[in-house]
N, C-alpha and C. Protein backbone atom coordinates (compact mmCIF):
# COMPACT_ATOMS: atom_id res chain seq x y z
N UNK A 1 0.84 -1.16 0.00
CA UNK A 1 0.00 0.00 0.00
C UNK A 1 0.90 1.23 0.00
N UNK A 2 0.55 2.16 -0.86
CA UNK A 2 1.30 3.42 -0.94
C UNK A 2 0.35 4.58 -0.70
N UNK A 3 0.65 5.41 0.28
CA UNK A 3 -0.15 6.60 0.55
C UNK A 3 0.37 7.75 -0.30
N UNK A 4 -0.56 8.49 -0.93
CA UNK A 4 -0.20 9.67 -1.71
C UNK A 4 -1.03 10.85 -1.22
N UNK A 5 -0.38 11.86 -0.64
CA UNK A 5 -1.14 13.06 -0.24
C UNK A 5 -1.62 13.79 -1.49
N UNK A 6 -2.62 14.62 -1.33
CA UNK A 6 -3.10 15.36 -2.49
C UNK A 6 -4.24 16.29 -2.16
N UNK A 7 -4.95 16.69 -3.19
CA UNK A 7 -6.07 17.63 -3.07
C UNK A 7 -7.33 16.88 -2.63
N UNK A 8 -8.42 17.63 -2.53
CA UNK A 8 -9.70 17.05 -2.16
C UNK A 8 -10.78 17.54 -3.12
N UNK A 9 -10.57 17.25 -4.41
CA UNK A 9 -11.56 17.59 -5.42
C UNK A 9 -12.75 16.64 -5.26
N UNK A 10 -13.89 17.00 -5.84
CA UNK A 10 -15.03 16.08 -5.83
C UNK A 10 -14.58 14.77 -6.47
N UNK A 11 -14.79 13.65 -5.80
CA UNK A 11 -14.27 12.36 -6.24
C UNK A 11 -14.80 11.94 -7.61
N UNK A 12 -15.96 12.46 -8.01
CA UNK A 12 -16.52 12.09 -9.31
C UNK A 12 -15.76 12.72 -10.49
N UNK A 13 -14.95 13.75 -10.21
CA UNK A 13 -14.19 14.42 -11.26
C UNK A 13 -13.05 13.52 -11.74
N UNK A 14 -12.80 13.53 -13.03
CA UNK A 14 -11.77 12.68 -13.63
C UNK A 14 -10.39 12.92 -13.02
N UNK A 15 -10.02 14.17 -12.80
CA UNK A 15 -8.68 14.47 -12.29
C UNK A 15 -8.49 14.06 -10.82
N UNK A 16 -9.56 13.72 -10.12
CA UNK A 16 -9.44 13.27 -8.73
C UNK A 16 -8.59 12.01 -8.64
N UNK A 17 -8.64 11.18 -9.67
CA UNK A 17 -7.86 9.94 -9.69
C UNK A 17 -6.36 10.20 -9.64
N UNK A 18 -5.93 11.35 -10.10
CA UNK A 18 -4.51 11.70 -10.13
C UNK A 18 -4.15 12.68 -9.02
N UNK A 19 -5.02 13.66 -8.77
CA UNK A 19 -4.68 14.78 -7.90
C UNK A 19 -5.09 14.62 -6.43
N UNK A 20 -6.10 13.80 -6.13
CA UNK A 20 -6.59 13.71 -4.76
C UNK A 20 -5.75 12.81 -3.87
N UNK A 21 -5.88 13.01 -2.55
CA UNK A 21 -5.27 12.12 -1.56
C UNK A 21 -5.77 10.70 -1.84
N UNK A 22 -4.85 9.71 -1.74
CA UNK A 22 -5.24 8.34 -2.07
C UNK A 22 -4.29 7.31 -1.48
N UNK A 23 -4.82 6.11 -1.34
CA UNK A 23 -4.04 4.92 -1.02
C UNK A 23 -4.06 4.04 -2.25
N UNK A 24 -2.88 3.62 -2.72
CA UNK A 24 -2.79 2.77 -3.91
C UNK A 24 -2.35 1.37 -3.47
N UNK A 25 -3.12 0.37 -3.88
CA UNK A 25 -2.84 -1.02 -3.53
C UNK A 25 -2.51 -1.81 -4.79
N UNK A 26 -1.48 -2.63 -4.73
CA UNK A 26 -1.19 -3.61 -5.77
C UNK A 26 -1.28 -4.97 -5.10
N UNK A 27 -2.19 -5.81 -5.58
CA UNK A 27 -2.35 -7.14 -5.01
C UNK A 27 -1.73 -8.18 -5.93
N UNK A 28 -0.86 -8.98 -5.39
CA UNK A 28 -0.26 -10.10 -6.13
C UNK A 28 -1.04 -11.35 -5.77
N UNK A 29 -1.57 -12.02 -6.78
CA UNK A 29 -2.35 -13.24 -6.56
C UNK A 29 -1.73 -14.36 -7.37
N UNK A 30 -2.25 -15.55 -7.19
CA UNK A 30 -1.80 -16.70 -7.98
C UNK A 30 -2.06 -16.47 -9.46
N UNK A 31 -3.08 -15.66 -9.77
CA UNK A 31 -3.47 -15.40 -11.16
C UNK A 31 -2.77 -14.19 -11.77
N UNK A 32 -2.10 -13.39 -10.97
CA UNK A 32 -1.44 -12.18 -11.45
C UNK A 32 -1.70 -11.01 -10.53
N UNK A 33 -1.48 -9.79 -11.03
CA UNK A 33 -1.64 -8.60 -10.22
C UNK A 33 -2.88 -7.80 -10.59
N UNK A 34 -3.44 -7.13 -9.59
CA UNK A 34 -4.49 -6.15 -9.81
C UNK A 34 -4.16 -4.94 -8.95
N UNK A 35 -4.65 -3.78 -9.35
CA UNK A 35 -4.36 -2.53 -8.66
C UNK A 35 -5.67 -1.81 -8.38
N UNK A 36 -5.77 -1.22 -7.19
CA UNK A 36 -6.91 -0.34 -6.92
C UNK A 36 -6.48 0.80 -6.03
N UNK A 37 -7.26 1.89 -6.09
CA UNK A 37 -6.98 3.10 -5.32
C UNK A 37 -8.20 3.45 -4.47
N UNK A 38 -7.96 3.84 -3.23
CA UNK A 38 -8.97 4.51 -2.41
C UNK A 38 -8.70 5.99 -2.62
N UNK A 39 -9.69 6.73 -3.10
CA UNK A 39 -9.50 8.15 -3.43
C UNK A 39 -10.40 9.01 -2.56
N UNK A 40 -9.78 9.94 -1.81
CA UNK A 40 -10.54 10.83 -0.93
C UNK A 40 -11.36 11.81 -1.76
N UNK A 41 -12.50 12.21 -1.22
CA UNK A 41 -13.37 13.14 -1.92
C UNK A 41 -13.45 14.50 -1.25
N UNK A 42 -14.31 15.34 -1.77
CA UNK A 42 -14.47 16.72 -1.32
C UNK A 42 -15.08 16.82 0.07
N UNK A 43 -16.03 15.96 0.39
CA UNK A 43 -16.80 16.10 1.63
C UNK A 43 -16.06 15.52 2.84
N UNK A 44 -15.77 14.24 2.82
CA UNK A 44 -15.17 13.59 4.00
C UNK A 44 -13.66 13.78 4.05
N UNK A 45 -13.02 13.93 2.89
CA UNK A 45 -11.58 14.19 2.81
C UNK A 45 -10.73 13.17 3.54
N UNK A 46 -11.11 11.90 3.45
CA UNK A 46 -10.33 10.92 4.18
C UNK A 46 -10.51 9.52 3.60
N UNK A 47 -9.39 8.80 3.43
CA UNK A 47 -9.39 7.38 3.11
C UNK A 47 -8.56 6.70 4.18
N UNK A 48 -8.97 5.52 4.59
CA UNK A 48 -8.32 4.81 5.69
C UNK A 48 -7.96 3.41 5.24
N UNK A 49 -6.71 3.00 5.49
CA UNK A 49 -6.27 1.65 5.19
C UNK A 49 -5.81 0.98 6.47
N UNK A 50 -6.15 -0.30 6.60
CA UNK A 50 -5.70 -1.07 7.76
C UNK A 50 -4.59 -2.03 7.37
N UNK A 51 -4.14 -2.00 6.12
CA UNK A 51 -3.10 -2.90 5.64
C UNK A 51 -1.82 -2.15 5.31
N UNK A 52 -0.71 -2.88 5.38
CA UNK A 52 0.60 -2.35 5.01
C UNK A 52 1.20 -3.26 3.94
N UNK A 53 2.23 -2.78 3.24
CA UNK A 53 2.89 -3.58 2.21
C UNK A 53 3.32 -4.92 2.80
N UNK A 54 3.03 -6.00 2.09
CA UNK A 54 3.41 -7.34 2.52
C UNK A 54 2.34 -8.06 3.31
N UNK A 55 1.31 -7.36 3.79
CA UNK A 55 0.23 -8.00 4.54
C UNK A 55 -0.58 -8.92 3.64
N UNK A 56 -1.05 -10.02 4.19
CA UNK A 56 -1.96 -10.92 3.47
C UNK A 56 -3.36 -10.34 3.50
N UNK A 57 -4.11 -10.58 2.42
CA UNK A 57 -5.48 -10.11 2.30
C UNK A 57 -6.33 -11.28 1.85
N UNK A 58 -7.37 -11.59 2.60
CA UNK A 58 -8.29 -12.66 2.21
C UNK A 58 -9.34 -12.11 1.26
N UNK A 59 -9.80 -12.93 0.35
CA UNK A 59 -10.86 -12.51 -0.57
C UNK A 59 -12.06 -12.03 0.23
N UNK A 60 -12.54 -10.82 -0.09
CA UNK A 60 -13.69 -10.25 0.60
C UNK A 60 -13.37 -9.57 1.92
N UNK A 61 -12.10 -9.61 2.34
CA UNK A 61 -11.71 -8.99 3.61
C UNK A 61 -11.77 -7.47 3.48
N UNK A 62 -12.19 -6.81 4.53
CA UNK A 62 -12.18 -5.34 4.56
C UNK A 62 -10.75 -4.90 4.85
N UNK A 63 -10.23 -4.02 4.00
CA UNK A 63 -8.84 -3.57 4.14
C UNK A 63 -8.76 -2.10 4.55
N UNK A 64 -9.90 -1.47 4.67
CA UNK A 64 -9.95 -0.06 5.01
C UNK A 64 -11.33 0.48 4.69
N UNK A 65 -11.42 1.79 4.61
CA UNK A 65 -12.71 2.39 4.25
C UNK A 65 -12.48 3.70 3.53
N UNK A 66 -13.47 4.04 2.73
CA UNK A 66 -13.50 5.34 2.08
C UNK A 66 -14.68 6.07 2.67
N UNK A 67 -14.45 7.28 3.11
CA UNK A 67 -15.51 8.06 3.76
C UNK A 67 -16.50 8.57 2.72
N UNK A 68 -17.62 9.06 3.20
CA UNK A 68 -18.68 9.58 2.35
C UNK A 68 -18.13 10.53 1.29
N UNK A 69 -18.53 10.31 0.05
CA UNK A 69 -18.11 11.19 -1.03
C UNK A 69 -16.79 10.82 -1.66
N UNK A 70 -16.20 9.69 -1.26
CA UNK A 70 -14.94 9.23 -1.83
C UNK A 70 -15.22 8.15 -2.86
N UNK A 71 -14.17 7.57 -3.44
CA UNK A 71 -14.38 6.55 -4.46
C UNK A 71 -13.22 5.57 -4.50
N UNK A 72 -13.40 4.48 -5.25
CA UNK A 72 -12.36 3.49 -5.47
C UNK A 72 -12.23 3.27 -6.97
N UNK A 73 -11.00 3.32 -7.49
CA UNK A 73 -10.71 2.96 -8.88
C UNK A 73 -10.06 1.59 -8.88
N UNK A 74 -10.42 0.74 -9.85
CA UNK A 74 -9.88 -0.62 -9.93
C UNK A 74 -9.33 -0.86 -11.33
N UNK A 75 -8.10 -1.40 -11.40
CA UNK A 75 -7.49 -1.81 -12.67
C UNK A 75 -7.32 -3.31 -12.64
N UNK A 76 -7.87 -3.97 -13.65
CA UNK A 76 -7.78 -5.43 -13.75
C UNK A 76 -6.99 -5.81 -14.98
N UNK A 77 -6.46 -7.02 -15.01
CA UNK A 77 -5.76 -7.47 -16.22
C UNK A 77 -6.69 -7.45 -17.44
N UNK A 78 -6.10 -7.27 -18.60
CA UNK A 78 -6.86 -7.16 -19.85
C UNK A 78 -7.77 -8.37 -20.09
N UNK A 79 -7.34 -9.55 -19.65
CA UNK A 79 -8.12 -10.76 -19.92
C UNK A 79 -9.20 -11.02 -18.86
N UNK A 80 -9.42 -10.09 -17.93
CA UNK A 80 -10.47 -10.25 -16.92
C UNK A 80 -11.84 -10.09 -17.57
N UNK A 81 -12.79 -10.88 -17.10
CA UNK A 81 -14.18 -10.79 -17.57
C UNK A 81 -14.93 -9.87 -16.60
N UNK A 82 -15.34 -8.69 -17.06
CA UNK A 82 -16.04 -7.73 -16.21
C UNK A 82 -17.48 -8.20 -16.04
N UNK A 83 -17.94 -8.31 -14.80
CA UNK A 83 -19.26 -8.86 -14.51
C UNK A 83 -20.29 -7.79 -14.14
N UNK A 84 -19.85 -6.57 -13.85
CA UNK A 84 -20.79 -5.50 -13.49
C UNK A 84 -21.08 -4.63 -14.70
N UNK A 85 -22.20 -3.97 -14.65
CA UNK A 85 -22.63 -3.10 -15.75
C UNK A 85 -22.48 -1.64 -15.34
N UNK A 86 -22.34 -0.77 -16.31
CA UNK A 86 -22.25 0.67 -16.07
C UNK A 86 -23.46 1.13 -15.27
N UNK A 87 -23.21 1.86 -14.19
CA UNK A 87 -24.29 2.38 -13.36
C UNK A 87 -24.79 1.43 -12.29
N UNK A 88 -24.31 0.19 -12.28
CA UNK A 88 -24.74 -0.78 -11.28
C UNK A 88 -24.15 -0.44 -9.92
N UNK A 89 -24.94 -0.55 -8.87
CA UNK A 89 -24.44 -0.33 -7.51
C UNK A 89 -23.69 -1.57 -7.05
N UNK A 90 -22.52 -1.35 -6.45
CA UNK A 90 -21.73 -2.46 -5.92
C UNK A 90 -21.38 -2.17 -4.47
N UNK A 91 -21.04 -3.22 -3.73
CA UNK A 91 -20.71 -3.08 -2.32
C UNK A 91 -19.37 -3.75 -2.06
N UNK A 92 -18.44 -3.00 -1.47
CA UNK A 92 -17.12 -3.54 -1.16
C UNK A 92 -17.20 -4.77 -0.27
N UNK A 93 -16.42 -5.79 -0.60
CA UNK A 93 -16.37 -7.01 0.20
C UNK A 93 -17.42 -8.03 -0.16
N UNK A 94 -18.41 -7.68 -0.99
CA UNK A 94 -19.43 -8.66 -1.34
C UNK A 94 -19.77 -8.70 -2.83
N UNK A 95 -19.64 -7.59 -3.54
CA UNK A 95 -19.94 -7.59 -4.98
C UNK A 95 -18.76 -8.15 -5.76
N UNK A 96 -19.05 -9.06 -6.69
CA UNK A 96 -18.01 -9.60 -7.56
C UNK A 96 -17.95 -8.70 -8.79
N UNK A 97 -16.82 -8.02 -8.99
CA UNK A 97 -16.67 -7.10 -10.10
C UNK A 97 -16.25 -7.80 -11.38
N UNK A 98 -15.37 -8.79 -11.26
CA UNK A 98 -14.81 -9.45 -12.44
C UNK A 98 -14.27 -10.83 -12.06
N UNK A 99 -14.01 -11.62 -13.09
CA UNK A 99 -13.34 -12.92 -12.91
C UNK A 99 -12.19 -12.98 -13.90
N UNK A 100 -11.10 -13.57 -13.45
CA UNK A 100 -10.01 -13.83 -14.38
C UNK A 100 -9.19 -14.98 -13.86
N UNK A 101 -8.76 -15.82 -14.80
CA UNK A 101 -8.00 -16.99 -14.41
C UNK A 101 -6.52 -16.68 -14.37
N UNK A 102 -6.10 -15.67 -15.11
CA UNK A 102 -4.71 -15.25 -15.05
C UNK A 102 -3.76 -16.22 -15.69
N UNK A 103 -2.50 -16.13 -15.25
CA UNK A 103 -1.45 -16.95 -15.82
C UNK A 103 -1.63 -18.42 -15.42
N UNK A 104 -1.11 -19.35 -16.24
CA UNK A 104 -1.24 -20.77 -15.92
C UNK A 104 -0.58 -21.09 -14.58
N UNK A 105 -1.15 -22.05 -13.90
CA UNK A 105 -0.63 -22.46 -12.59
C UNK A 105 0.76 -23.07 -12.73
N UNK A 106 1.65 -22.73 -11.79
CA UNK A 106 2.97 -23.35 -11.74
C UNK A 106 2.88 -24.58 -10.86
N UNK A 107 3.95 -25.37 -10.81
CA UNK A 107 3.91 -26.58 -10.01
C UNK A 107 3.66 -26.26 -8.55
N UNK A 108 4.19 -25.14 -8.04
CA UNK A 108 3.98 -24.77 -6.65
C UNK A 108 2.52 -24.44 -6.40
N UNK A 109 1.91 -23.64 -7.28
CA UNK A 109 0.51 -23.27 -7.06
C UNK A 109 -0.41 -24.45 -7.31
N UNK A 110 0.01 -25.43 -8.10
CA UNK A 110 -0.81 -26.61 -8.32
C UNK A 110 -0.93 -27.41 -7.03
N UNK A 111 0.09 -27.30 -6.17
CA UNK A 111 0.06 -28.00 -4.88
C UNK A 111 -0.82 -27.28 -3.87
N UNK A 112 -1.07 -26.00 -4.09
CA UNK A 112 -1.88 -25.20 -3.17
C UNK A 112 -3.35 -25.40 -3.49
N UNK A 113 -4.16 -25.61 -2.47
CA UNK A 113 -5.58 -25.81 -2.71
C UNK A 113 -6.19 -24.53 -3.26
N UNK A 114 -7.29 -24.68 -3.99
CA UNK A 114 -7.98 -23.53 -4.56
C UNK A 114 -8.45 -22.58 -3.46
N UNK A 115 -8.94 -23.13 -2.36
CA UNK A 115 -9.41 -22.29 -1.25
C UNK A 115 -8.26 -21.47 -0.68
N UNK A 116 -7.08 -22.08 -0.53
CA UNK A 116 -5.93 -21.34 -0.02
C UNK A 116 -5.53 -20.23 -0.97
N UNK A 117 -5.50 -20.53 -2.27
CA UNK A 117 -5.12 -19.53 -3.26
C UNK A 117 -6.10 -18.36 -3.24
N UNK A 118 -7.39 -18.66 -3.12
CA UNK A 118 -8.42 -17.60 -3.07
C UNK A 118 -8.27 -16.75 -1.83
N UNK A 119 -7.82 -17.34 -0.73
CA UNK A 119 -7.78 -16.63 0.54
C UNK A 119 -6.51 -15.81 0.73
N UNK A 120 -5.46 -16.07 -0.05
CA UNK A 120 -4.18 -15.41 0.20
C UNK A 120 -3.77 -14.50 -0.94
N UNK A 121 -3.99 -13.22 -0.77
CA UNK A 121 -3.55 -12.19 -1.68
C UNK A 121 -2.55 -11.36 -0.91
N UNK A 122 -1.56 -10.82 -1.56
CA UNK A 122 -0.55 -10.04 -0.86
C UNK A 122 -0.52 -8.63 -1.39
N UNK A 123 -0.57 -7.65 -0.49
CA UNK A 123 -0.44 -6.25 -0.88
C UNK A 123 1.05 -5.96 -1.05
N UNK A 124 1.48 -5.74 -2.30
CA UNK A 124 2.91 -5.57 -2.56
C UNK A 124 3.36 -4.14 -2.48
N UNK A 125 2.48 -3.21 -2.78
CA UNK A 125 2.81 -1.79 -2.67
C UNK A 125 3.90 -1.34 -3.62
N UNK A 126 4.03 -1.97 -4.80
CA UNK A 126 5.13 -1.60 -5.68
C UNK A 126 4.71 -0.81 -6.90
N UNK A 127 3.43 -0.54 -7.08
CA UNK A 127 2.97 0.27 -8.22
C UNK A 127 2.99 1.73 -7.86
N UNK A 128 3.18 2.59 -8.90
CA UNK A 128 3.12 4.02 -8.63
C UNK A 128 1.98 4.65 -9.37
């Protein structure tokens, strides 16, 4: 997780993704990497993370919160199948946004059960 100080523009504005205060997460999974940002908004002006670089993250686990008026941006691999529609309401920790199988399993990951692989994601904090 990387904290970036910044402005507090209305989170719905396009430039908020670059200019606003934010926490950037890069998750390394058995299938590959995904990135998301908690972006502070105009009203609450605060994003909170309970994770640090290297911490394990279970699927659906709460890793922090975005206060009222904030937002989350998510970047998925190109081969991910997006399951939500434009304008659909989603809820953190319970809505499935996409599915992707990612890179082929290696011999080490083949030994790991599917449940273990699903439960163990690592916040690497190496994206900028």
